N, C-alpha and C. Protein backbone atom coordinates (compact mmCIF):
# COMPACT_ATOMS: atom_id res chain seq x y z
N UNK A 1 -8.54 8.51 9.26
CA UNK A 1 -7.57 8.97 9.50
C UNK A 1 -6.16 8.93 8.43
N UNK A 2 -5.80 10.07 8.44
CA UNK A 2 -4.60 9.98 7.35
C UNK A 2 -3.14 10.30 7.97
N UNK A 3 -2.41 9.44 7.69
CA UNK A 3 -0.90 9.62 8.27
C UNK A 3 0.02 10.22 7.04
N UNK A 4 0.51 11.47 7.09
CA UNK A 4 1.33 11.90 5.91
C UNK A 4 2.72 11.94 6.65
N UNK A 5 3.56 11.05 6.02
CA UNK A 5 4.85 10.94 6.57
C UNK A 5 5.64 12.13 6.06
N UNK A 6 5.36 12.89 5.17
CA UNK A 6 5.95 13.99 4.88
C UNK A 6 5.97 15.14 5.94
N UNK A 7 5.10 15.10 6.66
CA UNK A 7 4.81 16.03 7.80
C UNK A 7 5.50 15.56 9.10
N UNK A 8 6.25 14.59 9.02
CA UNK A 8 7.07 14.21 9.95
C UNK A 8 8.62 14.35 9.85
N UNK A 9 9.40 14.05 10.92
CA UNK A 9 10.65 13.93 10.56
C UNK A 9 11.12 12.54 10.56
N UNK A 10 11.06 11.88 9.34
CA UNK A 10 11.07 10.35 9.07
C UNK A 10 12.06 10.26 7.92
N UNK A 11 13.01 9.18 8.00
CA UNK A 11 13.66 8.72 6.78
C UNK A 11 12.96 8.44 5.76
N UNK A 12 11.47 8.29 5.80
CA UNK A 12 10.85 7.97 4.70
C UNK A 12 10.77 9.05 3.68
N UNK A 13 10.93 10.31 4.09
CA UNK A 13 11.18 11.48 3.38
C UNK A 13 12.43 11.37 2.25
N UNK A 14 13.53 10.88 2.91
CA UNK A 14 14.72 10.61 1.99
C UNK A 14 14.36 9.55 0.97
N UNK A 15 13.58 8.59 1.34
CA UNK A 15 13.49 7.54 0.46
C UNK A 15 12.56 8.07 -0.71
N UNK A 16 11.50 8.95 -0.32
CA UNK A 16 10.42 9.48 -1.27
C UNK A 16 11.26 10.26 -2.31
N UNK A 17 12.24 11.21 -1.76
CA UNK A 17 13.02 12.15 -2.55
C UNK A 17 13.91 11.31 -3.65
N UNK A 18 14.34 10.06 -3.13
CA UNK A 18 15.03 9.37 -4.09
C UNK A 18 14.19 8.84 -5.17
N UNK A 19 12.91 8.33 -4.92
CA UNK A 19 12.04 7.91 -5.84
C UNK A 19 11.63 8.70 -6.88
N UNK A 20 11.68 10.11 -6.54
CA UNK A 20 11.26 11.32 -7.37
C UNK A 20 12.38 11.47 -8.39
N UNK A 21 13.85 11.40 -7.79
CA UNK A 21 14.82 11.84 -8.46
C UNK A 21 15.06 11.28 -9.81
N UNK A 22 15.17 12.03 -10.72
CA UNK A 22 15.21 11.28 -12.34
C UNK A 22 16.53 10.56 -12.32
N UNK A 23 17.58 10.97 -11.75
CA UNK A 23 18.96 10.45 -11.84
C UNK A 23 19.01 9.02 -11.07
N UNK A 24 18.54 9.14 -9.70
CA UNK A 24 18.43 7.92 -8.97
C UNK A 24 17.57 6.77 -9.66
N UNK A 25 16.42 7.35 -10.10
CA UNK A 25 15.52 6.49 -10.86
C UNK A 25 15.93 5.67 -11.98
N UNK A 26 17.29 5.88 -12.46
CA UNK A 26 17.86 5.07 -13.48
C UNK A 26 18.25 3.87 -12.87
N UNK A 27 18.77 3.65 -11.59
CA UNK A 27 18.74 2.27 -10.97
C UNK A 27 17.73 1.66 -10.34
N UNK A 28 17.16 0.82 -11.19
CA UNK A 28 15.99 0.22 -10.96
C UNK A 28 16.00 -0.49 -9.54
N UNK A 29 17.06 -1.17 -9.25
CA UNK A 29 17.23 -2.02 -8.04
C UNK A 29 17.09 -0.95 -6.93
N UNK A 30 17.61 0.04 -6.88
CA UNK A 30 17.58 1.05 -5.80
C UNK A 30 16.12 1.68 -5.77
N UNK A 31 15.37 1.87 -6.93
CA UNK A 31 14.08 2.24 -6.81
C UNK A 31 13.22 1.23 -6.16
N UNK A 32 13.31 0.08 -6.73
CA UNK A 32 12.58 -0.95 -5.86
C UNK A 32 12.84 -1.24 -4.32
N UNK A 33 14.14 -1.00 -3.97
CA UNK A 33 14.47 -1.16 -2.56
C UNK A 33 13.88 -0.04 -1.73
N UNK A 34 13.86 1.00 -2.36
CA UNK A 34 13.29 2.30 -1.64
C UNK A 34 11.76 2.13 -1.30
N UNK A 35 11.11 1.47 -2.23
CA UNK A 35 9.67 1.25 -2.24
C UNK A 35 9.61 0.10 -1.15
N UNK A 36 10.59 -0.96 -1.15
CA UNK A 36 10.41 -2.12 -0.15
C UNK A 36 10.83 -1.39 1.29
N UNK A 37 11.77 -0.45 1.48
CA UNK A 37 12.00 0.10 2.69
C UNK A 37 10.84 0.89 3.07
N UNK A 38 10.34 1.66 2.30
CA UNK A 38 9.10 2.66 2.78
C UNK A 38 7.95 1.42 3.31
N UNK A 39 7.77 0.31 2.58
CA UNK A 39 6.81 -0.71 2.95
C UNK A 39 7.28 -1.18 4.37
N UNK A 40 8.34 -1.54 4.75
CA UNK A 40 8.81 -1.79 6.01
C UNK A 40 8.75 -1.02 7.04
N UNK A 41 8.99 0.42 6.77
CA UNK A 41 8.54 1.29 7.74
C UNK A 41 6.95 1.45 7.97
N UNK A 42 6.20 1.64 7.09
CA UNK A 42 4.82 1.78 7.24
C UNK A 42 4.22 0.53 7.94
N UNK A 43 4.90 -0.81 7.53
CA UNK A 43 4.35 -2.17 8.36
C UNK A 43 4.62 -1.89 9.74
N UNK A 44 5.89 -1.18 10.04
CA UNK A 44 6.11 -1.33 11.71
C UNK A 44 5.08 -0.31 12.33
N UNK A 45 4.76 1.03 11.59
CA UNK A 45 3.66 1.80 12.12
C UNK A 45 2.47 1.22 12.12
N UNK A 46 2.05 0.56 11.15
CA UNK A 46 0.66 0.00 11.22
C UNK A 46 0.50 -1.05 12.20
N UNK A 47 1.75 -1.97 12.50
CA UNK A 47 1.62 -3.00 13.58
C UNK A 47 1.22 -2.29 14.99
N UNK A 48 1.46 -1.09 15.12
CA UNK A 48 1.02 -0.43 16.53
C UNK A 48 -0.48 -0.21 16.53
N UNK A 49 -1.27 -0.54 15.41
CA UNK A 49 -2.44 -0.13 15.55
C UNK A 49 -3.34 -1.58 15.44
N UNK A 50 -2.90 -2.68 15.56
CA UNK A 50 -3.26 -4.06 15.62
C UNK A 50 -3.72 -4.32 16.89
N UNK A 51 -4.27 -5.46 17.00
CA UNK A 51 -4.86 -5.98 18.30
C UNK A 51 -3.88 -6.98 18.72
N UNK A 52 -3.60 -7.04 19.94
CA UNK A 52 -2.41 -8.00 20.41
C UNK A 52 -3.18 -8.99 21.67
N UNK A 53 -2.63 -9.90 21.89
CA UNK A 53 -3.07 -10.95 22.93
C UNK A 53 -1.90 -11.24 23.73
N UNK A 54 -2.04 -11.73 24.83
CA UNK A 54 -0.77 -12.13 25.85
C UNK A 54 -0.55 -13.77 25.80
N UNK A 55 0.73 -14.12 25.46
CA UNK A 55 0.90 -15.61 25.30
C UNK A 55 2.12 -15.89 26.00
N UNK A 56 2.08 -16.77 26.91
CA UNK A 56 3.20 -17.46 27.62
C UNK A 56 4.08 -18.35 26.67
N UNK A 57 5.27 -17.68 26.40
CA UNK A 57 6.21 -18.39 25.43
C UNK A 57 7.18 -18.98 26.34
N UNK A 58 7.62 -20.25 26.02
CA UNK A 58 8.38 -21.07 26.88
C UNK A 58 9.82 -20.76 26.40
N UNK A 59 10.70 -20.53 27.06
CA UNK A 59 12.08 -20.45 27.03
C UNK A 59 12.90 -21.51 27.68
N UNK A 60 14.30 -21.84 27.39
CA UNK A 60 14.91 -22.80 27.96
C UNK A 60 15.01 -22.90 29.52
N UNK A 61 14.71 -21.77 29.96
CA UNK A 61 14.44 -21.63 31.48
C UNK A 61 13.26 -21.14 32.30
N UNK A 62 12.19 -20.95 31.32
CA UNK A 62 10.89 -20.87 32.02
C UNK A 62 9.82 -20.43 30.90
N UNK A 63 9.06 -19.35 31.44
CA UNK A 63 8.04 -18.84 30.45
C UNK A 63 8.05 -17.34 30.49
N UNK A 64 7.89 -16.83 29.53
CA UNK A 64 7.80 -15.31 29.29
C UNK A 64 6.39 -14.78 28.87
N UNK A 65 5.64 -14.11 29.38
CA UNK A 65 4.45 -13.39 28.84
C UNK A 65 4.78 -12.57 27.58
N UNK A 66 4.37 -12.87 26.62
CA UNK A 66 4.74 -11.93 25.24
C UNK A 66 3.45 -11.39 24.63
N UNK A 67 3.30 -10.42 24.07
CA UNK A 67 2.23 -9.79 23.28
C UNK A 67 2.32 -10.22 21.56
N UNK A 68 1.42 -10.82 21.23
CA UNK A 68 1.36 -11.42 19.99
C UNK A 68 0.08 -10.86 19.29
N UNK A 69 0.47 -10.68 17.89
CA UNK A 69 -0.91 -10.21 17.16
C UNK A 69 -2.08 -11.28 17.18
N UNK A 70 -3.07 -10.83 17.49
CA UNK A 70 -4.30 -11.74 17.65
C UNK A 70 -4.66 -12.41 16.45
N UNK A 71 -4.83 -11.43 15.31
CA UNK A 71 -5.22 -11.98 13.82
C UNK A 71 -4.23 -11.48 12.96
N UNK A 72 -3.42 -12.22 12.30
CA UNK A 72 -2.58 -11.82 11.36
C UNK A 72 -3.26 -11.13 10.23
N UNK A 73 -2.75 -9.92 9.65
CA UNK A 73 -2.99 -9.30 8.50
C UNK A 73 -3.15 -9.86 7.34
N UNK A 74 -3.82 -9.41 6.45
CA UNK A 74 -3.73 -9.99 5.11
C UNK A 74 -3.40 -8.96 4.21
N UNK A 75 -2.14 -8.99 3.53
CA UNK A 75 -1.34 -7.94 2.77
C UNK A 75 -1.75 -8.21 1.30
N UNK A 76 -2.18 -7.11 0.92
CA UNK A 76 -2.71 -7.14 -0.75
C UNK A 76 -2.13 -6.03 -1.31
N UNK A 77 -1.67 -6.30 -2.57
CA UNK A 77 -1.28 -5.27 -3.45
C UNK A 77 -1.85 -5.34 -4.89
N UNK A 78 -1.67 -4.38 -5.55
CA UNK A 78 -2.23 -4.27 -7.21
C UNK A 78 -1.09 -4.56 -7.95
N UNK A 79 -0.98 -5.45 -8.90
CA UNK A 79 -0.03 -6.05 -9.63
C UNK A 79 -0.04 -4.73 -10.71
N UNK A 80 1.33 -4.44 -11.23
CA UNK A 80 2.79 -4.92 -10.66
C UNK A 80 3.38 -3.99 -10.10
N UNK A 81 2.92 -2.75 -9.96
CA UNK A 81 3.81 -1.79 -9.12
C UNK A 81 4.10 -1.97 -7.88
N UNK A 82 2.82 -2.74 -7.33
CA UNK A 82 2.98 -2.62 -5.75
C UNK A 82 3.70 -3.93 -5.27
N UNK A 83 4.37 -4.71 -6.07
CA UNK A 83 5.14 -5.86 -5.64
C UNK A 83 6.45 -5.45 -4.65
N UNK A 84 7.20 -4.18 -4.90
CA UNK A 84 8.25 -4.02 -4.12
C UNK A 84 7.65 -3.66 -2.74
N UNK A 85 6.72 -2.73 -2.49
CA UNK A 85 6.20 -2.44 -1.31
C UNK A 85 5.56 -3.62 -0.48
N UNK A 86 5.02 -4.54 -1.27
CA UNK A 86 4.29 -5.60 -0.71
C UNK A 86 5.48 -6.52 -0.05
N UNK A 87 6.60 -6.57 -0.90
CA UNK A 87 7.50 -7.29 -0.06
C UNK A 87 8.11 -6.63 1.12
N UNK A 88 8.32 -5.36 1.21
CA UNK A 88 8.51 -4.79 2.64
C UNK A 88 7.72 -5.02 3.63
N UNK A 89 6.34 -4.99 3.10
CA UNK A 89 5.42 -5.58 4.35
C UNK A 89 5.42 -6.77 4.77
N UNK A 90 5.73 -7.77 3.83
CA UNK A 90 6.08 -9.20 4.06
C UNK A 90 7.18 -9.40 4.87
N UNK A 91 8.19 -8.55 4.76
CA UNK A 91 9.46 -8.54 5.41
C UNK A 91 9.13 -8.63 7.02
N UNK A 92 8.17 -7.62 7.37
CA UNK A 92 7.74 -7.25 8.81
C UNK A 92 6.65 -8.38 9.20
N UNK A 93 5.53 -8.30 8.53
CA UNK A 93 4.57 -9.37 8.98
C UNK A 93 4.69 -10.81 8.17
N UNK A 94 5.89 -11.39 8.52
CA UNK A 94 6.32 -12.55 8.01
C UNK A 94 5.44 -13.77 8.07
N UNK A 95 4.29 -13.66 8.83
CA UNK A 95 3.37 -14.70 8.93
C UNK A 95 1.95 -14.38 8.52
N UNK A 96 1.92 -13.19 7.81
CA UNK A 96 0.64 -12.68 7.10
C UNK A 96 0.35 -13.64 5.75
N UNK A 97 -1.00 -13.56 5.54
CA UNK A 97 -1.37 -13.99 4.40
C UNK A 97 -1.43 -13.02 3.22
N UNK A 98 -1.47 -13.42 1.96
CA UNK A 98 -1.46 -12.29 1.02
C UNK A 98 -2.49 -12.57 0.00
N UNK A 99 -2.78 -11.37 -0.66
CA UNK A 99 -3.80 -11.01 -1.78
C UNK A 99 -3.21 -10.30 -3.02
N UNK A 100 -3.64 -10.64 -4.18
CA UNK A 100 -3.14 -9.98 -5.44
C UNK A 100 -4.16 -9.72 -6.49
N UNK A 101 -4.12 -8.43 -6.62
CA UNK A 101 -5.18 -8.09 -7.62
C UNK A 101 -4.73 -7.53 -9.04
N UNK A 102 -4.91 -7.87 -10.21
CA UNK A 102 -4.63 -7.45 -11.32
C UNK A 102 -5.88 -6.26 -11.69
N UNK A 103 -5.25 -4.83 -11.98
CA UNK A 103 -6.04 -3.92 -12.48
C UNK A 103 -5.33 -2.84 -13.16
N UNK A 104 -6.10 -2.51 -14.07
CA UNK A 104 -5.33 -1.61 -15.00
C UNK A 104 -6.55 -0.61 -15.62
N UNK A 105 -6.14 0.47 -16.20
CA UNK A 105 -6.89 1.58 -16.62
C UNK A 105 -7.37 1.04 -18.42
N UNK A 106 -8.49 0.96 -18.47
CA UNK A 106 -9.03 0.62 -19.79
C UNK A 106 -9.36 1.82 -20.23
N UNK A 107 -8.68 2.29 -21.47
CA UNK A 107 -8.98 3.71 -21.96
C UNK A 107 -10.06 3.62 -23.12
N UNK A 108 -10.78 4.70 -23.34
CA UNK A 108 -11.80 4.68 -24.36
C UNK A 108 -11.55 5.99 -25.29
N UNK A 109 -12.00 5.90 -26.41
CA UNK A 109 -11.50 6.81 -27.40
C UNK A 109 -11.75 8.42 -27.08
N UNK A 110 -12.62 8.73 -26.16
CA UNK A 110 -13.13 10.03 -25.67
C UNK A 110 -11.91 10.53 -24.64
N UNK A 111 -11.14 9.61 -24.26
CA UNK A 111 -10.07 10.03 -23.20
C UNK A 111 -10.37 9.56 -22.04
N UNK A 112 -11.66 9.07 -21.54
CA UNK A 112 -11.99 8.55 -20.45
C UNK A 112 -11.42 7.14 -20.09
N UNK A 113 -11.63 6.56 -18.98
CA UNK A 113 -11.04 5.26 -18.83
C UNK A 113 -11.85 4.65 -17.53
N UNK A 114 -11.81 3.28 -17.43
CA UNK A 114 -12.60 2.80 -16.50
C UNK A 114 -11.59 1.64 -15.87
N UNK A 115 -11.61 1.14 -14.60
CA UNK A 115 -10.79 0.29 -14.03
C UNK A 115 -11.27 -1.14 -14.49
N UNK A 116 -10.30 -1.70 -14.97
CA UNK A 116 -10.48 -3.39 -15.32
C UNK A 116 -9.97 -4.20 -14.32
N UNK A 117 -10.64 -5.13 -13.71
CA UNK A 117 -9.90 -6.20 -12.84
C UNK A 117 -10.25 -7.61 -13.49
N UNK A 118 -8.81 -7.99 -13.80
CA UNK A 118 -8.87 -9.28 -14.31
C UNK A 118 -8.73 -10.48 -13.61
N UNK A 119 -7.87 -10.24 -12.51
CA UNK A 119 -7.45 -11.47 -11.59
C UNK A 119 -7.57 -10.93 -10.17
N UNK A 120 -7.85 -12.04 -9.32
CA UNK A 120 -7.77 -11.74 -8.00
C UNK A 120 -7.52 -13.21 -7.35
N UNK A 121 -6.51 -13.06 -6.21
CA UNK A 121 -6.20 -14.26 -5.54
C UNK A 121 -6.39 -13.76 -3.98
N UNK A 122 -7.24 -14.39 -3.25
CA UNK A 122 -7.25 -13.88 -1.83
C UNK A 122 -7.82 -14.77 -0.96
N UNK A 123 -7.30 -14.90 0.38
CA UNK A 123 -7.62 -15.76 1.31
C UNK A 123 -9.03 -15.11 2.09
N UNK A 124 -9.42 -15.59 2.99
CA UNK A 124 -10.55 -15.25 3.87
C UNK A 124 -10.15 -14.06 4.57
N UNK A 125 -11.04 -12.95 4.37
CA UNK A 125 -10.66 -11.61 5.21
C UNK A 125 -11.37 -11.49 6.42
N UNK A 126 -12.21 -12.32 6.84
CA UNK A 126 -13.13 -12.41 7.82
C UNK A 126 -12.45 -11.93 9.10
N UNK A 127 -12.66 -11.00 9.76
CA UNK A 127 -12.28 -10.36 11.09
C UNK A 127 -10.59 -10.42 11.19
N UNK A 128 -10.24 -9.95 9.93
CA UNK A 128 -8.88 -9.76 9.92
C UNK A 128 -8.31 -8.63 9.16
N UNK A 129 -7.23 -8.06 9.87
CA UNK A 129 -6.89 -6.48 9.28
C UNK A 129 -6.46 -6.76 7.82
N UNK A 130 -6.99 -5.89 6.96
CA UNK A 130 -6.66 -5.84 5.53
C UNK A 130 -5.54 -4.57 5.24
N UNK A 131 -4.51 -4.96 4.63
CA UNK A 131 -3.37 -3.84 4.30
C UNK A 131 -3.30 -3.94 2.91
N UNK A 132 -3.69 -2.75 2.22
CA UNK A 132 -3.64 -2.68 0.85
C UNK A 132 -2.36 -1.61 0.25
N UNK A 133 -1.39 -2.16 -0.32
CA UNK A 133 -0.31 -1.22 -0.53
C UNK A 133 -0.37 -0.99 -2.14
N UNK A 134 0.19 0.24 -2.51
CA UNK A 134 0.17 0.48 -3.95
C UNK A 134 1.06 1.69 -4.01
N UNK A 135 2.09 1.91 -4.74
CA UNK A 135 2.94 3.18 -4.89
C UNK A 135 2.33 4.40 -4.90
N UNK A 136 1.34 4.36 -5.98
CA UNK A 136 0.72 5.67 -6.39
C UNK A 136 -0.77 5.61 -6.32
N UNK A 137 -1.33 6.61 -5.39
CA UNK A 137 -2.72 6.87 -5.42
C UNK A 137 -2.99 8.06 -6.25
N UNK A 138 -3.49 7.95 -7.38
CA UNK A 138 -3.74 9.21 -8.52
C UNK A 138 -5.17 9.49 -8.30
N UNK A 139 -6.03 8.94 -9.11
CA UNK A 139 -7.52 9.31 -9.05
C UNK A 139 -8.25 8.49 -7.76
N UNK A 140 -7.64 7.43 -7.41
CA UNK A 140 -8.33 6.64 -6.47
C UNK A 140 -9.10 5.45 -6.96
N UNK A 141 -9.43 5.49 -8.32
CA UNK A 141 -10.46 4.66 -8.74
C UNK A 141 -10.03 3.22 -8.76
N UNK A 142 -8.62 2.81 -8.96
CA UNK A 142 -7.92 1.53 -8.87
C UNK A 142 -8.14 1.11 -7.34
N UNK A 143 -7.82 2.03 -6.35
CA UNK A 143 -7.83 1.43 -4.97
C UNK A 143 -9.38 1.29 -4.46
N UNK A 144 -10.27 1.93 -4.88
CA UNK A 144 -11.56 1.85 -4.50
C UNK A 144 -12.16 0.60 -5.15
N UNK A 145 -11.87 0.32 -6.34
CA UNK A 145 -12.11 -1.05 -7.10
C UNK A 145 -11.71 -2.14 -6.45
N UNK A 146 -10.27 -2.23 -5.99
CA UNK A 146 -9.81 -3.16 -5.37
C UNK A 146 -10.38 -3.86 -4.07
N UNK A 147 -10.71 -2.53 -3.27
CA UNK A 147 -11.21 -2.59 -1.91
C UNK A 147 -12.52 -3.32 -2.09
N UNK A 148 -13.26 -2.87 -3.11
CA UNK A 148 -14.72 -3.60 -3.28
C UNK A 148 -14.55 -4.91 -3.71
N UNK A 149 -13.71 -5.26 -4.60
CA UNK A 149 -13.51 -6.51 -5.02
C UNK A 149 -13.10 -7.49 -3.79
N UNK A 150 -12.21 -6.96 -2.95
CA UNK A 150 -11.63 -7.90 -1.68
C UNK A 150 -12.81 -8.05 -0.87
N UNK A 151 -13.89 -7.16 -0.76
CA UNK A 151 -14.88 -7.26 0.24
C UNK A 151 -15.76 -8.45 0.06
N UNK A 152 -15.63 -9.17 -1.15
CA UNK A 152 -16.26 -10.41 -1.50
C UNK A 152 -15.63 -11.66 -0.68
N UNK A 153 -14.37 -11.41 -0.10
CA UNK A 153 -13.65 -12.56 0.57
C UNK A 153 -14.02 -12.33 2.16
N UNK A 154 -14.79 -11.42 2.44
CA UNK A 154 -15.22 -11.44 4.05
C UNK A 154 -14.93 -10.02 4.47
N UNK A 155 -15.59 -9.92 5.67
CA UNK A 155 -15.52 -8.49 6.37
C UNK A 155 -14.52 -8.44 7.30
N UNK A 156 -13.37 -7.53 6.87
CA UNK A 156 -12.11 -7.27 7.43
C UNK A 156 -12.54 -6.60 8.76
N UNK A 157 -11.35 -6.52 9.74
CA UNK A 157 -11.75 -6.12 10.95
C UNK A 157 -11.28 -4.56 10.84
N UNK A 158 -10.30 -4.19 9.97
CA UNK A 158 -9.91 -2.89 9.80
C UNK A 158 -9.33 -2.69 8.31
N UNK A 159 -9.16 -1.62 7.79
CA UNK A 159 -8.56 -1.39 6.38
C UNK A 159 -7.53 -0.51 6.62
N UNK A 160 -6.28 -0.70 6.15
CA UNK A 160 -5.30 0.19 6.12
C UNK A 160 -4.76 0.25 4.77
N UNK A 161 -4.69 1.47 4.26
CA UNK A 161 -4.18 1.53 2.82
C UNK A 161 -2.85 2.38 2.75
N UNK A 162 -1.67 1.65 2.21
CA UNK A 162 -0.39 2.21 2.15
C UNK A 162 0.14 2.85 0.89
N UNK A 163 0.37 4.10 0.77
CA UNK A 163 0.82 4.40 -0.74
C UNK A 163 2.03 5.40 -0.43
N UNK A 164 3.03 5.34 -1.43
CA UNK A 164 4.27 6.15 -1.40
C UNK A 164 3.73 7.66 -1.74
N UNK A 165 3.21 7.97 -2.96
CA UNK A 165 2.78 9.27 -3.11
C UNK A 165 1.18 9.22 -3.75
N UNK A 166 0.61 10.22 -3.08
CA UNK A 166 -0.91 10.24 -3.42
C UNK A 166 -1.34 11.71 -4.07
N UNK A 167 -2.36 11.65 -4.64
CA UNK A 167 -2.87 13.21 -4.93
C UNK A 167 -4.01 13.55 -3.89
N UNK A 168 -4.15 14.75 -3.79
CA UNK A 168 -5.12 15.38 -2.86
C UNK A 168 -6.51 14.66 -3.51
N UNK A 169 -6.73 14.87 -4.72
CA UNK A 169 -8.11 14.35 -5.25
C UNK A 169 -8.33 12.78 -5.01
N UNK A 170 -7.24 12.03 -5.15
CA UNK A 170 -7.07 10.51 -4.77
C UNK A 170 -7.65 10.36 -3.27
N UNK A 171 -7.24 10.96 -2.59
CA UNK A 171 -7.26 10.78 -1.13
C UNK A 171 -8.77 11.09 -0.78
N UNK A 172 -9.12 12.08 -1.37
CA UNK A 172 -10.58 12.57 -1.04
C UNK A 172 -11.51 11.45 -1.59
N UNK A 173 -11.11 11.00 -2.84
CA UNK A 173 -12.18 10.00 -3.35
C UNK A 173 -12.31 8.71 -2.58
N UNK A 174 -11.16 8.36 -2.07
CA UNK A 174 -11.03 7.00 -1.24
C UNK A 174 -11.63 7.13 0.00
N UNK A 175 -11.65 8.23 0.66
CA UNK A 175 -12.16 8.62 1.87
C UNK A 175 -13.66 8.87 1.59
N UNK A 176 -14.16 9.33 0.63
CA UNK A 176 -15.38 9.42 0.25
C UNK A 176 -16.37 8.02 0.33
N UNK A 177 -15.53 6.94 -0.32
CA UNK A 177 -16.28 5.66 -0.30
C UNK A 177 -15.71 4.72 1.02
N UNK A 178 -14.72 5.04 1.43
CA UNK A 178 -14.24 4.23 2.67
C UNK A 178 -13.86 5.07 3.75
N UNK A 179 -14.73 5.80 4.22
CA UNK A 179 -14.37 6.77 5.41
C UNK A 179 -13.63 6.18 6.51
N UNK A 180 -13.81 4.81 6.79
CA UNK A 180 -13.14 4.30 8.03
C UNK A 180 -11.78 3.71 7.69
N UNK A 181 -11.37 3.88 6.60
CA UNK A 181 -10.15 3.18 6.27
C UNK A 181 -9.00 4.38 6.48
N UNK A 182 -7.74 3.64 6.93
CA UNK A 182 -6.70 4.51 7.69
C UNK A 182 -5.68 4.50 6.38
N UNK A 183 -5.35 5.84 6.05
CA UNK A 183 -4.50 6.00 5.02
C UNK A 183 -2.88 6.34 5.45
N UNK A 184 -2.04 5.56 5.03
CA UNK A 184 -0.46 5.77 5.48
C UNK A 184 0.16 6.22 4.08
N UNK A 185 0.48 7.49 4.03
CA UNK A 185 1.05 7.96 2.87
C UNK A 185 2.19 8.67 3.02
N UNK A 186 3.18 8.44 2.16
CA UNK A 186 4.43 9.11 2.13
C UNK A 186 4.60 10.40 1.92
N UNK A 187 3.81 10.90 0.85
CA UNK A 187 3.78 12.24 0.52
C UNK A 187 2.33 12.54 -0.39
N UNK A 188 1.89 13.87 -0.08
CA UNK A 188 0.43 13.98 -0.90
C UNK A 188 1.11 15.29 -1.97
N UNK A 189 0.74 15.20 -3.35
CA UNK A 189 0.73 16.11 -4.15
C UNK A 189 -0.63 16.82 -4.67
N UNK A 190 -0.53 17.67 -4.97
CA UNK A 190 -1.87 18.48 -5.36
C UNK A 190 -2.34 18.46 -6.87
N UNK A 191 -1.48 18.27 -7.66
CA UNK A 191 -1.95 18.25 -9.03
C UNK A 191 -1.93 16.94 -9.61
N UNK A 192 -3.23 16.94 -10.59
CA UNK A 192 -3.31 15.67 -11.50
C UNK A 192 -3.26 16.06 -12.93
N UNK A 193 -2.67 15.51 -13.84
CA UNK A 193 -2.66 15.90 -15.20
C UNK A 193 -4.10 15.59 -15.87
N UNK A 194 -4.24 15.92 -17.25
CA UNK A 194 -5.47 15.55 -17.73
C UNK A 194 -5.58 14.11 -18.04
N UNK A 195 -4.45 13.54 -17.91
CA UNK A 195 -4.51 11.90 -18.08
C UNK A 195 -4.44 11.28 -16.66
N UNK A 196 -4.51 11.91 -15.79
CA UNK A 196 -4.48 11.64 -14.45
C UNK A 196 -3.17 10.98 -13.92
N UNK A 197 -2.22 11.58 -14.16
CA UNK A 197 -0.92 11.36 -13.75
C UNK A 197 -0.55 12.42 -12.43
N UNK A 198 -0.08 12.02 -11.36
CA UNK A 198 0.39 12.91 -10.24
C UNK A 198 1.46 13.79 -10.66
N UNK A 199 1.50 14.96 -10.17
CA UNK A 199 2.45 15.88 -10.49
C UNK A 199 2.64 16.71 -9.16
N UNK A 200 4.07 16.86 -8.68
CA UNK A 200 5.11 16.34 -9.49
C UNK A 200 5.49 14.69 -9.43
N UNK A 201 4.84 14.23 -8.40
CA UNK A 201 4.80 12.64 -8.67
C UNK A 201 6.02 11.98 -8.77
N UNK A 202 6.26 10.82 -9.62
CA UNK A 202 7.58 10.42 -9.84
C UNK A 202 7.64 9.72 -11.20
N UNK A 203 6.71 9.80 -12.00
CA UNK A 203 6.44 8.87 -13.24
C UNK A 203 5.65 7.72 -13.00
N UNK A 204 5.92 6.57 -13.76
CA UNK A 204 5.25 5.59 -13.98
C UNK A 204 6.06 4.38 -12.86
N UNK A 205 5.38 4.18 -11.81
CA UNK A 205 6.22 3.43 -10.67
C UNK A 205 6.46 1.99 -11.17
N UNK A 206 5.54 1.22 -12.15
CA UNK A 206 5.69 0.02 -12.52
C UNK A 206 6.75 -0.22 -13.43
N UNK A 207 6.99 0.92 -14.60
CA UNK A 207 7.97 0.96 -15.50
C UNK A 207 9.25 1.07 -14.85
N UNK A 208 9.30 1.96 -13.91
CA UNK A 208 10.66 2.44 -13.09
C UNK A 208 11.10 1.10 -12.43
N UNK A 209 10.19 0.34 -11.82
CA UNK A 209 10.46 -0.68 -10.93
C UNK A 209 10.99 -2.04 -12.04
N UNK A 210 10.17 -2.17 -12.97
CA UNK A 210 10.35 -3.27 -13.62
C UNK A 210 10.69 -3.16 -15.29
N UNK A 211 10.67 -2.23 -15.84
CA UNK A 211 10.81 -1.85 -17.11
C UNK A 211 9.93 -1.32 -17.96
N UNK A 212 9.67 -0.79 -18.87
CA UNK A 212 8.44 -0.33 -19.73
C UNK A 212 7.67 -1.32 -20.32
N UNK A 213 6.37 -1.43 -20.20
CA UNK A 213 5.21 -2.29 -20.55
C UNK A 213 5.68 -2.41 -22.25
């Protein structure tokens, strides 16, 4: 299933517009905060998909039956651009465990590239919901490589992929390899450049959030 927030009446659309705006992009703190807020909203929406159990919570005056998440999710992100969205998710799922992946495009002389994974830190994923967030889903290669690497840490109960802006090709690529994953997307753009950048997109999310490499 694909949830495209741009098709809904949602404040996410305003945050996406600000992420794209070349004037507002000059304010790095606001850029990071908008990604964080998108993460918070997506986390709330994803929370509705999780499994809950009833637990009696003791209050000063008695007991209250409450719905508690059965298995806390593992929130994962691809360094470095994904960190602001990751924080947004962690603001909501404050008891979640976390996973971090270093992935980048290793370019070749012929113009092609492959995804290089240099680092991964992850708890057990066995029977736990996995949430993987990254601001941009361009070709989908980084996302697929990340999910495959995370699979070495156990069989997750569900996979949720959260991105601010995706390309049509990237969405199709991810769904081809992980048809059961649920995608939560702020907006979907149709075009990729020859260098696999999303158009109109927003530019390099990592550079805009943290400065040029």
